[in-house]
C-alpha atoms as a PDB file:
ATOM      1  CA  MET A   1      -1.865  -5.147  -6.347  1.00  0.00           C
ATOM      2  CA  ALA A   2      -3.064  -5.936  -2.856  1.00  0.00           C
ATOM      3  CA  LYS A   3      -5.664  -3.185  -1.095  1.00  0.00           C
ATOM      4  CA  ASN A   4      -4.173  -1.262   2.057  1.00  0.00           C
ATOM      5  CA  VAL A   5      -4.923  -3.460   4.808  1.00  0.00           C
ATOM      6  CA  GLU A   6      -5.330  -1.632   8.455  1.00  0.00           C
ATOM      7  CA  PHE A   7      -3.799  -3.373  11.459  1.00  0.00           C
ATOM      8  CA  GLY A   8      -4.671  -2.880  15.356  1.00  0.00           C
ATOM      9  CA  VAL A   9      -4.805  -4.414  18.429  1.00  0.00           C
ATOM     10  CA  ASP A  10      -7.383  -4.416  21.051  1.00  0.00           C
ATOM     11  CA  THR A  11      -8.155  -5.326  24.754  1.00  0.00           C
ATOM     12  CA  PHE A  12     -10.783  -5.727  27.319  1.00  0.00           C
ATOM     13  CA  GLY A  13      -8.577  -4.638  30.160  1.00  0.00           C
ATOM     14  CA  ASP A  14      -8.662  -7.835  31.797  1.00  0.00           C
ATOM     15  CA  VAL A  15      -7.616  -8.066  35.497  1.00  0.00           C
ATOM     16  CA  THR A  16      -3.936  -9.618  35.011  1.00  0.00           C
ATOM     17  CA  VAL A  17      -1.358 -10.901  37.406  1.00  0.00           C
ATOM     18  CA  ASP A  18       2.104 -10.110  38.386  1.00  0.00           C
ATOM     19  CA  ALA A  19       5.221 -12.027  38.104  1.00  0.00           C
ATOM     20  CA  ALA A  20       4.493 -13.774  41.203  1.00  0.00           C
ATOM     21  CA  GLY A  21       0.859 -14.504  40.014  1.00  0.00           C
ATOM     22  CA  GLU A  22      -0.764 -12.085  42.419  1.00  0.00           C
ATOM     23  CA  ARG A  23      -3.681 -10.392  40.988  1.00  0.00           C
ATOM     24  CA  LEU A  24      -3.011  -6.879  40.300  1.00  0.00           C
ATOM     25  CA  PRO A  25      -5.397  -3.606  41.288  1.00  0.00           C
ATOM     26  CA  TYR A  26      -7.528  -2.308  39.093  1.00  0.00           C
ATOM     27  CA  ALA A  27      -5.951   0.981  39.111  1.00  0.00           C
ATOM     28  CA  GLN A  28      -2.642  -0.930  38.033  1.00  0.00           C
ATOM     29  CA  VAL A  29      -4.170  -2.761  35.320  1.00  0.00           C
ATOM     30  CA  ILE A  30      -5.706   0.780  33.920  1.00  0.00           C
ATOM     31  CA  ARG A  31      -2.236   2.321  34.111  1.00  0.00           C
ATOM     32  CA  ASN A  32      -0.894  -0.734  32.027  1.00  0.00           C
ATOM     33  CA  VAL A  33      -3.662  -0.496  29.281  1.00  0.00           C
ATOM     34  CA  ILE A  34      -2.318   3.021  28.638  1.00  0.00           C
ATOM     35  CA  GLU A  35       1.451   1.991  28.509  1.00  0.00           C
ATOM     36  CA  GLU A  36      -0.039  -0.659  25.950  1.00  0.00           C
ATOM     37  CA  GLY A  37      -1.638   1.782  23.880  1.00  0.00           C
ATOM     38  CA  VAL A  38       1.071   4.166  23.743  1.00  0.00           C
ATOM     39  CA  LEU A  39       3.364   1.299  22.613  1.00  0.00           C
ATOM     40  CA  ALA A  40       1.080   0.441  20.095  1.00  0.00           C
ATOM     41  CA  ASP A  41       1.529   3.831  18.598  1.00  0.00           C
ATOM     42  CA  ARG A  42       5.178   3.659  18.749  1.00  0.00           C
ATOM     43  CA  VAL A  43       5.558   0.543  16.679  1.00  0.00           C
ATOM     44  CA  GLY A  44       3.555   1.752  13.985  1.00  0.00           C
ATOM     45  CA  LEU A  45      -0.086   0.495  14.574  1.00  0.00           C
ATOM     46  CA  ASP A  46      -3.280   1.814  12.836  1.00  0.00           C
ATOM     47  CA  HIS A  47      -5.623   1.428  15.626  1.00  0.00           C
ATOM     48  CA  PHE A  48      -5.999   0.585  19.604  1.00  0.00           C
ATOM     49  CA  GLY A  49      -9.332  -0.758  20.690  1.00  0.00           C
ATOM     50  CA  LEU A  50     -10.754  -1.055  24.144  1.00  0.00           C
ATOM     51  CA  GLY A  51     -13.647  -3.025  25.582  1.00  0.00           C
ATOM     52  CA  GLU A  52     -16.264  -1.921  27.855  1.00  0.00           C
ATOM     53  CA  HIS A  53     -17.144  -4.337  30.806  1.00  0.00           C
ATOM     54  CA  HIS A  54     -18.804  -3.969  34.013  1.00  0.00           C
ATOM     55  CA  ARG A  55     -17.610  -7.339  35.947  1.00  0.00           C
ATOM     56  CA  ASP A  56     -14.775  -7.833  38.390  1.00  0.00           C
ATOM     57  CA  ASP A  57     -12.561  -9.674  35.827  1.00  0.00           C
ATOM     58  CA  PHE A  58     -11.980  -6.713  33.535  1.00  0.00           C
ATOM     59  CA  ALA A  59     -10.751  -3.214  34.844  1.00  0.00           C
ATOM     60  CA  VAL A  60     -12.103  -0.963  31.945  1.00  0.00           C
ATOM     61  CA  SER A  61     -15.933   0.216  32.531  1.00  0.00           C
ATOM     62  CA  ALA A  62     -15.080   3.710  31.138  1.00  0.00           C
ATOM     63  CA  PRO A  63     -13.088   2.967  28.027  1.00  0.00           C
ATOM     64  CA  GLU A  64     -13.272   6.703  26.695  1.00  0.00           C
ATOM     65  CA  VAL A  65     -11.354   7.995  29.710  1.00  0.00           C
ATOM     66  CA  VAL A  66      -8.524   5.565  29.275  1.00  0.00           C
ATOM     67  CA  LEU A  67      -8.603   6.240  25.544  1.00  0.00           C
ATOM     68  CA  ALA A  68      -8.085  10.008  26.180  1.00  0.00           C
ATOM     69  CA  GLY A  69      -5.165   9.153  28.810  1.00  0.00           C
ATOM     70  CA  ILE A  70      -3.715   7.338  25.735  1.00  0.00           C
ATOM     71  CA  ALA A  71      -4.524  10.163  23.159  1.00  0.00           C
ATOM     72  CA  SER A  72      -2.499  12.690  25.395  1.00  0.00           C
ATOM     73  CA  ARG A  73       0.800  10.523  24.752  1.00  0.00           C
ATOM     74  CA  THR A  74       0.222   9.372  21.355  1.00  0.00           C
ATOM     75  CA  GLU A  75       0.139  11.605  17.937  1.00  0.00           C
ATOM     76  CA  ARG A  76      -0.876   9.228  15.397  1.00  0.00           C
ATOM     77  CA  ILE A  77      -2.879   6.067  16.370  1.00  0.00           C
ATOM     78  CA  ARG A  78      -6.668   5.862  15.884  1.00  0.00           C
ATOM     79  CA  LEU A  79      -8.241   5.196  19.407  1.00  0.00           C
ATOM     80  CA  GLY A  80     -11.823   3.329  19.626  1.00  0.00           C
ATOM     81  CA  THR A  81     -13.869   1.007  21.774  1.00  0.00           C
ATOM     82  CA  ALA A  82     -14.112  -2.429  21.173  1.00  0.00           C
ATOM     83  CA  VAL A  83     -17.046  -2.553  21.844  1.00  0.00           C
ATOM     84  CA  THR A  84     -19.565   0.197  23.245  1.00  0.00           C
ATOM     85  CA  VAL A  85     -22.287  -1.763  24.739  1.00  0.00           C
ATOM     86  CA  LEU A  86     -25.028   0.745  23.090  1.00  0.00           C
ATOM     87  CA  SER A  87     -27.996  -1.297  24.417  1.00  0.00           C
ATOM     88  CA  SER A  88     -27.385  -0.220  28.208  1.00  0.00           C
ATOM     89  CA  ASP A  89     -26.152   3.517  27.537  1.00  0.00           C
ATOM     90  CA  ASP A  90     -27.762   6.562  25.988  1.00  0.00           C
ATOM     91  CA  PRO A  91     -26.729   7.366  22.506  1.00  0.00           C
ATOM     92  CA  VAL A  92     -26.565  10.822  23.176  1.00  0.00           C
ATOM     93  CA  ARG A  93     -24.081  10.658  26.077  1.00  0.00           C
ATOM     94  CA  VAL A  94     -22.262   8.105  23.691  1.00  0.00           C
ATOM     95  CA  PHE A  95     -21.966  10.801  21.116  1.00  0.00           C
ATOM     96  CA  GLU A  96     -20.945  13.698  23.653  1.00  0.00           C
ATOM     97  CA  ARG A  97     -18.176  11.410  25.119  1.00  0.00           C
ATOM     98  CA  PHE A  98     -16.700  10.298  21.787  1.00  0.00           C
ATOM     99  CA  ALA A  99     -16.972  14.077  20.171  1.00  0.00           C
ATOM    100  CA  THR A 100     -14.813  14.989  23.297  1.00  0.00           C
ATOM    101  CA  LEU A 101     -12.443  12.283  22.823  1.00  0.00           C
ATOM    102  CA  ASP A 102     -12.183  13.319  19.030  1.00  0.00           C
ATOM    103  CA  ALA A 103     -11.220  16.908  20.078  1.00  0.00           C
ATOM    104  CA  ILE A 104      -8.539  15.596  22.732  1.00  0.00           C
ATOM    105  CA  SER A 105      -7.017  13.060  20.083  1.00  0.00           C
ATOM    106  CA  ALA A 106      -7.334  15.721  17.170  1.00  0.00           C
ATOM    107  CA  GLY A 107      -9.453  13.540  15.244  1.00  0.00           C
ATOM    108  CA  ARG A 108      -8.515  10.092  16.008  1.00  0.00           C
ATOM    109  CA  ALA A 109     -11.651   8.873  17.936  1.00  0.00           C
ATOM    110  CA  GLU A 110     -13.627   6.008  16.646  1.00  0.00           C
ATOM    111  CA  ILE A 111     -16.567   3.917  17.993  1.00  0.00           C
ATOM    112  CA  ILE A 112     -17.674   0.483  17.481  1.00  0.00           C
ATOM    113  CA  LEU A 113     -21.071  -0.312  18.676  1.00  0.00           C
ATOM    114  CA  GLY A 114     -22.262  -3.730  19.841  1.00  0.00           C
ATOM    115  CA  ARG A 115     -24.623  -5.486  22.267  1.00  0.00           C
ATOM    116  CA  GLY A 116     -21.753  -7.080  24.321  1.00  0.00           C
ATOM    117  CA  SER A 117     -21.003 -10.705  25.216  1.00  0.00           C
ATOM    118  CA  PHE A 118     -22.113  -9.983  28.604  1.00  0.00           C
ATOM    119  CA  THR A 119     -25.166  -8.707  30.241  1.00  0.00           C
ATOM    120  CA  GLU A 120     -24.288  -7.439  33.628  1.00  0.00           C
ATOM    121  CA  SER A 121     -24.625  -3.511  32.304  1.00  0.00           C
ATOM    122  CA  PHE A 122     -28.571  -4.141  31.879  1.00  0.00           C
ATOM    123  CA  PRO A 123     -29.536  -4.639  35.481  1.00  0.00           C
ATOM    124  CA  LEU A 124     -26.666  -2.301  36.416  1.00  0.00           C
ATOM    125  CA  PHE A 125     -28.213   0.540  34.546  1.00  0.00           C
ATOM    126  CA  GLY A 126     -31.764  -0.382  35.116  1.00  0.00           C
ATOM    127  CA  TYR A 127     -32.715  -1.930  31.828  1.00  0.00           C
ATOM    128  CA  ASP A 128     -34.888  -5.089  31.156  1.00  0.00           C
ATOM    129  CA  LEU A 129     -33.083  -7.736  29.314  1.00  0.00           C
ATOM    130  CA  GLY A 130     -36.580  -8.797  28.023  1.00  0.00           C
ATOM    131  CA  ASP A 131     -36.135  -5.370  26.056  1.00  0.00           C
ATOM    132  CA  TYR A 132     -32.844  -6.688  24.623  1.00  0.00           C
ATOM    133  CA  GLU A 133     -33.450  -6.802  20.860  1.00  0.00           C
ATOM    134  CA  GLN A 134     -35.487  -3.587  21.056  1.00  0.00           C
ATOM    135  CA  LEU A 135     -33.119  -1.631  22.963  1.00  0.00           C
ATOM    136  CA  PHE A 136     -30.183  -2.185  20.259  1.00  0.00           C
ATOM    137  CA  GLU A 137     -32.345  -1.505  17.303  1.00  0.00           C
ATOM    138  CA  GLU A 138     -33.867   1.681  18.645  1.00  0.00           C
ATOM    139  CA  LYS A 139     -30.608   3.126  20.125  1.00  0.00           C
ATOM    140  CA  LEU A 140     -28.684   2.444  16.930  1.00  0.00           C
ATOM    141  CA  ASP A 141     -31.492   4.276  14.948  1.00  0.00           C
ATOM    142  CA  LEU A 142     -30.813   7.159  17.103  1.00  0.00           C
ATOM    143  CA  MET A 143     -27.090   6.891  17.101  1.00  0.00           C
ATOM    144  CA  ALA A 144     -27.014   6.977  12.998  1.00  0.00           C
ATOM    145  CA  LYS A 145     -29.111  10.191  13.327  1.00  0.00           C
ATOM    146  CA  LEU A 146     -26.662  11.877  15.863  1.00  0.00           C
ATOM    147  CA  LEU A 147     -23.852  10.891  13.649  1.00  0.00           C
ATOM    148  CA  THR A 148     -24.926  13.364  10.840  1.00  0.00           C
ATOM    149  CA  GLU A 149     -24.313  16.137  13.660  1.00  0.00           C
ATOM    150  CA  GLU A 150     -27.426  17.867  12.600  1.00  0.00           C
ATOM    151  CA  ALA A 151     -30.292  18.565  14.381  1.00  0.00           C
ATOM    152  CA  VAL A 152     -31.983  15.459  15.517  1.00  0.00           C
ATOM    153  CA  THR A 153     -35.822  14.460  15.530  1.00  0.00           C
ATOM    154  CA  TRP A 154     -36.597  11.115  16.786  1.00  0.00           C
ATOM    155  CA  GLU A 155     -39.088   9.000  18.595  1.00  0.00           C
ATOM    156  CA  GLY A 156     -38.763   5.597  20.049  1.00  0.00           C
ATOM    157  CA  GLY A 157     -40.623   3.292  22.607  1.00  0.00           C
ATOM    158  CA  LEU A 158     -37.723   2.951  25.434  1.00  0.00           C
ATOM    159  CA  ARG A 159     -36.529   6.363  25.195  1.00  0.00           C
ATOM    160  CA  ALA A 160     -37.619   9.843  25.460  1.00  0.00           C
ATOM    161  CA  ALA A 161     -38.169  11.481  21.939  1.00  0.00           C
ATOM    162  CA  LEU A 162     -35.943  14.276  20.659  1.00  0.00           C
ATOM    163  CA  ASP A 163     -37.667  17.133  18.507  1.00  0.00           C
ATOM    164  CA  GLY A 164     -35.110  19.143  16.802  1.00  0.00           C
ATOM    165  CA  ARG A 165     -32.030  18.828  18.939  1.00  0.00           C
ATOM    166  CA  HIS A 166     -28.582  19.360  18.546  1.00  0.00           C
ATOM    167  CA  VAL A 167     -26.197  17.735  20.582  1.00  0.00           C
ATOM    168  CA  TYR A 168     -22.862  19.034  21.433  1.00  0.00           C
ATOM    169  CA  PRO A 169     -19.787  19.174  20.855  1.00  0.00           C
ATOM    170  CA  LYS A 170     -19.526  18.981  17.106  1.00  0.00           C
ATOM    171  CA  THR A 171     -16.572  17.360  15.636  1.00  0.00           C
ATOM    172  CA  GLU A 172     -14.111  19.307  13.788  1.00  0.00           C
ATOM    173  CA  SER A 173     -14.470  16.826  10.617  1.00  0.00           C
ATOM    174  CA  GLY A 174     -18.067  16.564  10.865  1.00  0.00           C
ATOM    175  CA  HIS A 175     -17.628  12.945  11.232  1.00  0.00           C
ATOM    176  CA  ILE A 176     -16.598  10.153  13.446  1.00  0.00           C
ATOM    177  CA  ARG A 177     -16.017   6.623  11.920  1.00  0.00           C
ATOM    178  CA  THR A 178     -18.102   4.126  13.382  1.00  0.00           C
ATOM    179  CA  TRP A 179     -18.563   0.625  12.991  1.00  0.00           C
ATOM    180  CA  VAL A 180     -20.724  -2.397  14.154  1.00  0.00           C
ATOM    181  CA  GLY A 181     -19.329  -5.024  15.635  1.00  0.00           C
ATOM    182  CA  VAL A 182     -20.962  -8.575  15.309  1.00  0.00           C
ATOM    183  CA  GLY A 183     -20.310 -11.912  17.056  1.00  0.00           C
ATOM    184  CA  GLY A 184     -22.514 -14.432  15.054  1.00  0.00           C
ATOM    185  CA  SER A 185     -25.950 -12.870  14.382  1.00  0.00           C
ATOM    186  CA  LEU A 186     -26.835 -12.781  10.589  1.00  0.00           C
ATOM    187  CA  GLU A 187     -29.487 -10.188  11.737  1.00  0.00           C
ATOM    188  CA  SER A 188     -26.775  -8.156  12.898  1.00  0.00           C
ATOM    189  CA  VAL A 189     -25.035  -8.113   9.846  1.00  0.00           C
ATOM    190  CA  VAL A 190     -28.133  -7.125   7.474  1.00  0.00           C
ATOM    191  CA  ARG A 191     -28.827  -4.291  10.349  1.00  0.00           C
ATOM    192  CA  ALA A 192     -25.302  -2.836   9.956  1.00  0.00           C
ATOM    193  CA  ALA A 193     -25.599  -2.931   6.188  1.00  0.00           C
ATOM    194  CA  ARG A 194     -28.927  -1.193   6.486  1.00  0.00           C
ATOM    195  CA  TYR A 195     -27.246   1.982   8.151  1.00  0.00           C
ATOM    196  CA  GLY A 196     -24.247   1.612   6.275  1.00  0.00           C
ATOM    197  CA  PHE A 197     -21.957   1.072   8.962  1.00  0.00           C
ATOM    198  CA  PRO A 198     -18.554  -0.690   8.660  1.00  0.00           C
ATOM    199  CA  LEU A 199     -18.821  -4.146  10.219  1.00  0.00           C
ATOM    200  CA  VAL A 200     -16.240  -5.972  12.332  1.00  0.00           C
ATOM    201  CA  LEU A 201     -16.720  -9.631  12.811  1.00  0.00           C
ATOM    202  CA  ALA A 202     -15.634 -10.819  16.006  1.00  0.00           C
ATOM    203  CA  ILE A 203     -13.996 -14.327  15.360  1.00  0.00           C
ATOM    204  CA  ILE A 204     -13.139 -15.631  18.979  1.00  0.00           C
ATOM    205  CA  SER A 205     -13.339 -19.319  18.099  1.00  0.00           C
ATOM    206  CA  GLY A 206     -13.438 -22.108  15.322  1.00  0.00           C
ATOM    207  CA  ASP A 207     -12.083 -21.470  11.720  1.00  0.00           C
ATOM    208  CA  PRO A 208     -12.274 -17.992  10.257  1.00  0.00           C
ATOM    209  CA  GLY A 209     -13.561 -19.415   7.198  1.00  0.00           C
ATOM    210  CA  ARG A 210     -16.696 -20.055   8.543  1.00  0.00           C
ATOM    211  CA  PHE A 211     -17.406 -16.298   8.661  1.00  0.00           C
ATOM    212  CA  VAL A 212     -17.294 -16.232   4.794  1.00  0.00           C
ATOM    213  CA  PRO A 213     -21.244 -16.348   4.423  1.00  0.00           C
ATOM    214  CA  TYR A 214     -21.567 -13.201   7.196  1.00  0.00           C
ATOM    215  CA  ALA A 215     -18.924 -11.001   4.808  1.00  0.00           C
ATOM    216  CA  ASP A 216     -20.984 -12.272   1.535  1.00  0.00           C
ATOM    217  CA  LEU A 217     -24.339 -11.288   3.127  1.00  0.00           C
ATOM    218  CA  TYR A 218     -22.875  -7.878   4.079  1.00  0.00           C
ATOM    219  CA  ARG A 219     -21.418  -7.072   0.668  1.00  0.00           C
ATOM    220  CA  ARG A 220     -24.819  -8.258  -0.654  1.00  0.00           C
ATOM    221  CA  ALA A 221     -27.086  -6.380   1.994  1.00  0.00           C
ATOM    222  CA  LEU A 222     -24.954  -2.964   1.283  1.00  0.00           C
ATOM    223  CA  ALA A 223     -25.700  -3.053  -2.533  1.00  0.00           C
ATOM    224  CA  GLU A 224     -29.360  -4.205  -2.077  1.00  0.00           C
ATOM    225  CA  PHE A 225     -29.739  -1.138   0.475  1.00  0.00           C
ATOM    226  CA  GLY A 226     -28.506   0.998  -1.906  1.00  0.00           C
ATOM    227  CA  GLN A 227     -25.518   1.924   0.575  1.00  0.00           C
ATOM    228  CA  GLU A 228     -21.741   2.572  -0.554  1.00  0.00           C
ATOM    229  CA  PRO A 229     -19.165  -0.431   0.085  1.00  0.00           C
ATOM    230  CA  GLN A 230     -17.926  -0.019   3.648  1.00  0.00           C
ATOM    231  CA  PRO A 231     -14.917  -1.686   5.227  1.00  0.00           C
ATOM    232  CA  LEU A 232     -14.932  -4.997   6.704  1.00  0.00           C
ATOM    233  CA  ALA A 233     -12.642  -5.762   9.577  1.00  0.00           C
ATOM    234  CA  VAL A 234     -11.846  -8.702  11.738  1.00  0.00           C
ATOM    235  CA  HIS A 235     -10.997  -9.033  15.606  1.00  0.00           C
ATOM    236  CA  ALA A 236      -9.503 -12.268  16.889  1.00  0.00           C
ATOM    237  CA  PRO A 237      -7.455 -13.350  19.738  1.00  0.00           C
ATOM    238  CA  GLY A 238      -3.947 -14.084  19.681  1.00  0.00           C
ATOM    239  CA  LEU A 239      -0.419 -13.659  21.150  1.00  0.00           C
ATOM    240  CA  VAL A 240       3.187 -13.363  19.541  1.00  0.00           C
ATOM    241  CA  THR A 241       6.267 -14.667  21.052  1.00  0.00           C
ATOM    242  CA  GLU A 242       9.552 -15.928  19.953  1.00  0.00           C
ATOM    243  CA  THR A 243       8.447 -19.608  19.062  1.00  0.00           C
ATOM    244  CA  ASP A 244       5.325 -21.115  18.686  1.00  0.00           C
ATOM    245  CA  GLU A 245       5.888 -23.441  21.728  1.00  0.00           C
ATOM    246  CA  GLU A 246       6.502 -20.751  23.647  1.00  0.00           C
ATOM    247  CA  ALA A 247       3.451 -19.021  22.818  1.00  0.00           C
ATOM    248  CA  ILE A 248       1.157 -22.111  23.663  1.00  0.00           C
ATOM    249  CA  GLU A 249       2.909 -22.573  26.933  1.00  0.00           C
ATOM    250  CA  VAL A 250       2.526 -19.100  27.916  1.00  0.00           C
ATOM    251  CA  LEU A 251      -1.211 -18.497  26.827  1.00  0.00           C
ATOM    252  CA  TRP A 252      -2.605 -21.686  27.781  1.00  0.00           C
ATOM    253  CA  PRO A 253      -2.893 -21.294  31.733  1.00  0.00           C
ATOM    254  CA  HIS A 254      -4.179 -17.657  31.140  1.00  0.00           C
ATOM    255  CA  THR A 255      -6.840 -18.648  28.711  1.00  0.00           C
ATOM    256  CA  ARG A 256      -8.076 -21.522  30.747  1.00  0.00           C
ATOM    257  CA  VAL A 257      -8.414 -19.174  33.784  1.00  0.00           C
ATOM    258  CA  ILE A 258     -10.756 -16.857  31.870  1.00  0.00           C
ATOM    259  CA  LEU A 259     -12.595 -19.253  29.633  1.00  0.00           C
ATOM    260  CA  ASN A 260     -13.338 -21.802  32.527  1.00  0.00           C
ATOM    261  CA  ARG A 261     -14.708 -18.674  34.522  1.00  0.00           C
ATOM    262  CA  ILE A 262     -17.075 -17.629  31.848  1.00  0.00           C
ATOM    263  CA  GLY A 263     -17.948 -21.487  31.001  1.00  0.00           C
ATOM    264  CA  ALA A 264     -19.113 -22.059  34.462  1.00  0.00           C
ATOM    265  CA  GLU A 265     -21.672 -19.167  33.975  1.00  0.00           C
ATOM    266  CA  ARG A 266     -22.566 -20.227  30.865  1.00  0.00           C
ATOM    267  CA  GLY A 267     -22.917 -23.936  31.177  1.00  0.00           C
ATOM    268  CA  TRP A 268     -19.838 -24.556  28.919  1.00  0.00           C
ATOM    269  CA  PRO A 269     -17.920 -27.618  29.647  1.00  0.00           C
ATOM    270  CA  PRO A 270     -13.985 -26.967  30.760  1.00  0.00           C
ATOM    271  CA  LEU A 271     -11.592 -25.895  28.157  1.00  0.00           C
ATOM    272  CA  THR A 272      -9.332 -29.147  27.403  1.00  0.00           C
ATOM    273  CA  ARG A 273      -6.051 -28.673  26.346  1.00  0.00           C
ATOM    274  CA  GLU A 274      -6.691 -30.517  22.907  1.00  0.00           C
ATOM    275  CA  LYS A 275      -9.401 -27.785  22.271  1.00  0.00           C
ATOM    276  CA  PHE A 276      -6.912 -25.031  23.064  1.00  0.00           C
ATOM    277  CA  GLU A 277      -4.345 -26.165  20.582  1.00  0.00           C
ATOM    278  CA  ALA A 278      -6.919 -27.094  17.927  1.00  0.00           C
ATOM    279  CA  ASP A 279      -7.836 -23.475  18.160  1.00  0.00           C
ATOM    280  CA  VAL A 280      -4.281 -22.264  17.664  1.00  0.00           C
ATOM    281  CA  HIS A 281      -3.525 -24.741  14.768  1.00  0.00           C
ATOM    282  CA  GLU A 282      -6.710 -24.717  12.648  1.00  0.00           C
ATOM    283  CA  GLY A 283      -8.924 -22.171  14.662  1.00  0.00           C
ATOM    284  CA  ALA A 284      -9.249 -18.341  15.716  1.00  0.00           C
ATOM    285  CA  LEU A 285      -6.448 -18.064  18.045  1.00  0.00           C
ATOM    286  CA  HIS A 286      -3.392 -16.424  15.919  1.00  0.00           C
ATOM    287  CA  VAL A 287      -1.013 -17.633  18.281  1.00  0.00           C
ATOM    288  CA  GLY A 288       2.879 -18.332  17.770  1.00  0.00           C
ATOM    289  CA  SER A 289       6.004 -16.880  16.390  1.00  0.00           C
ATOM    290  CA  PRO A 290       5.941 -14.072  14.151  1.00  0.00           C
ATOM    291  CA  GLU A 291       6.077 -16.019  10.951  1.00  0.00           C
ATOM    292  CA  THR A 292       3.385 -18.193  12.145  1.00  0.00           C
ATOM    293  CA  VAL A 293       1.030 -15.506  12.998  1.00  0.00           C
ATOM    294  CA  ALA A 294       1.678 -13.624   9.979  1.00  0.00           C
ATOM    295  CA  ARG A 295       1.002 -16.534   7.929  1.00  0.00           C
ATOM    296  CA  LYS A 296      -2.547 -16.959   9.688  1.00  0.00           C
ATOM    297  CA  ILE A 297      -3.440 -13.391   9.674  1.00  0.00           C
ATOM    298  CA  ALA A 298      -2.620 -13.188   5.872  1.00  0.00           C
ATOM    299  CA  ARG A 299      -4.981 -16.360   5.424  1.00  0.00           C
ATOM    300  CA  THR A 300      -7.669 -15.021   7.529  1.00  0.00           C
ATOM    301  CA  VAL A 301      -7.728 -11.483   5.833  1.00  0.00           C
ATOM    302  CA  ARG A 302      -7.604 -13.467   2.359  1.00  0.00           C
ATOM    303  CA  THR A 303     -10.182 -15.723   3.049  1.00  0.00           C
ATOM    304  CA  LEU A 304     -12.565 -12.670   4.179  1.00  0.00           C
ATOM    305  CA  GLY A 305     -11.398 -10.215   2.280  1.00  0.00           C
ATOM    306  CA  ALA A 306     -10.942  -8.083   5.128  1.00  0.00           C
ATOM    307  CA  ASP A 307      -9.805  -4.422   4.905  1.00  0.00           C
ATOM    308  CA  GLY A 308      -8.581  -4.541   8.796  1.00  0.00           C
ATOM    309  CA  PHE A 309      -7.499  -6.899  11.283  1.00  0.00           C
ATOM    310  CA  ALA A 310      -7.405  -6.203  15.100  1.00  0.00           C
ATOM    311  CA  LEU A 311      -5.531  -8.869  17.309  1.00  0.00           C
ATOM    312  CA  LYS A 312      -6.826  -8.996  20.534  1.00  0.00           C
ATOM    313  CA  TYR A 313      -3.658  -9.253  22.598  1.00  0.00           C
ATOM    314  CA  SER A 314      -4.963  -9.800  26.278  1.00  0.00           C
ATOM    315  CA  GLN A 315      -6.509 -13.052  27.445  1.00  0.00           C
ATOM    316  CA  GLY A 316      -7.424 -13.478  30.892  1.00  0.00           C
ATOM    317  CA  THR A 317      -4.648 -13.016  33.555  1.00  0.00           C
ATOM    318  CA  LEU A 318      -1.766 -13.102  30.784  1.00  0.00           C
ATOM    319  CA  PRO A 319       0.776 -10.711  32.326  1.00  0.00           C
ATOM    320  CA  HIS A 320       1.291  -6.884  31.309  1.00  0.00           C
ATOM    321  CA  GLU A 321       4.929  -7.596  30.100  1.00  0.00           C
ATOM    322  CA  ARG A 322       4.114 -10.642  28.063  1.00  0.00           C
ATOM    323  CA  MET A 323       1.191  -8.210  26.322  1.00  0.00           C
ATOM    324  CA  MET A 324       3.909  -5.466  25.847  1.00  0.00           C
ATOM    325  CA  THR A 325       6.269  -7.996  24.024  1.00  0.00           C
ATOM    326  CA  GLY A 326       3.684  -9.225  21.975  1.00  0.00           C
ATOM    327  CA  ILE A 327       2.386  -5.777  20.814  1.00  0.00           C
ATOM    328  CA  GLU A 328       6.131  -4.852  19.877  1.00  0.00           C
ATOM    329  CA  LEU A 329       6.549  -8.207  17.939  1.00  0.00           C
ATOM    330  CA  TYR A 330       3.128  -7.849  16.277  1.00  0.00           C
ATOM    331  CA  GLY A 331       4.063  -4.158  15.262  1.00  0.00           C
ATOM    332  CA  THR A 332       7.685  -4.671  14.200  1.00  0.00           C
ATOM    333  CA  GLU A 333       7.695  -8.136  12.699  1.00  0.00           C
ATOM    334  CA  VAL A 334       4.093  -9.553  12.228  1.00  0.00           C
ATOM    335  CA  VAL A 335       2.575  -6.575  10.284  1.00  0.00           C
ATOM    336  CA  PRO A 336       5.330  -5.810   7.670  1.00  0.00           C
ATOM    337  CA  ARG A 337       5.318  -9.703   6.938  1.00  0.00           C
ATOM    338  CA  VAL A 338       1.554 -10.042   6.570  1.00  0.00           C
ATOM    339  CA  ARG A 339       1.606  -7.256   4.347  1.00  0.00           C
ATOM    340  CA  GLU A 340       4.580  -8.747   2.461  1.00  0.00           C
ATOM    341  CA  LEU A 341       2.474 -12.112   2.167  1.00  0.00           C
ATOM    342  CA  LEU A 342      -0.796 -10.263   1.184  1.00  0.00           C
ATOM    343  CA  ALA A 343       1.022  -8.398  -1.771  1.00  0.00           C
ATOM    344  CA  GLN A 344       2.240 -11.759  -3.303  1.00  0.00           C
ATOM    345  CA  GLU A 345      -0.036 -12.774  -6.170  1.00  0.00           C
ATOM    346  CA  THR A 346      -1.080 -16.139  -4.992  1.00  0.00           C
ATOM    347  CA  PRO A 347      -2.963 -16.936  -1.797  1.00  0.00           C
ATOM    348  CA  ALA A 348      -0.500 -20.389  -2.006  1.00  0.00           C
ATOM    349  CA  ALA A 349       2.278 -18.288  -0.754  1.00  0.00           C
ATOM    350  CA  VAL A 350       0.556 -17.763   2.486  1.00  0.00           C
END
């Protein structure tokens, strides 16, 4: 019998365009994200994730506030980040904010901790990029202690020490489910296992199968550190439309905008249509009709033995209306079909 895999969606709150191609104000983008979260709950998804960024092409810099808005209009869906940039935040404040979100949502708050794929938050909050590794290592250590919800005694090199301090509010359950998100660092996989955190693999390009060694390493490391088995989930981008051809044509110009902008900052070559379509057909982009996307998600889940899958349904300037349609198709058609495929005895059926 197939294990129970959880399915969600996440977004970075990309600044999008309207039907005329005009850039939307940040405030409207944030209100649209709330509507997307409400829809995700309505179509039965398990989780809604919201990224944190501090740059002009993303509207959400305070995801917990937006998630609280979604919490007030939903009843079931779990609400978390994708990711919280722990390196440039304070773990005590992170815990306080999420404990508050947990109260507002009646126990539905989750945290995904990460270092983030951008560095704008470091100078913004006065952190030295030269301390990049030490910041995350120390703050993750402190966060692990705070999540016990007991008195914390802790000392590091880059933050004031704590001596038997309690942090408030406490949660009703005494626990906030907290993951670590990893994009490609084996050291980060081992670190997550050492603390016993569940793991999210962010697979944004290339064949998802190349992450099998990461999944295997994580499970081995958990055992070697004497930790209990933990869930492993996958985050990957995609779009669901009625047909494969429509999905490719709709997504291509919006993906090109965001990836070429980021590529120019990082020295990458411009994205070609050939590379884009290769990632649709053979790589990390879960794009196409409900049947096509369902089969690709099922393959990804089977290949990695994943316990969860989150579709990043936003991509660059892709309009809100397209994202709403994609969420609805994902929840009502793709996820049920993936469950059918995973319940079949042989992977060949996928």
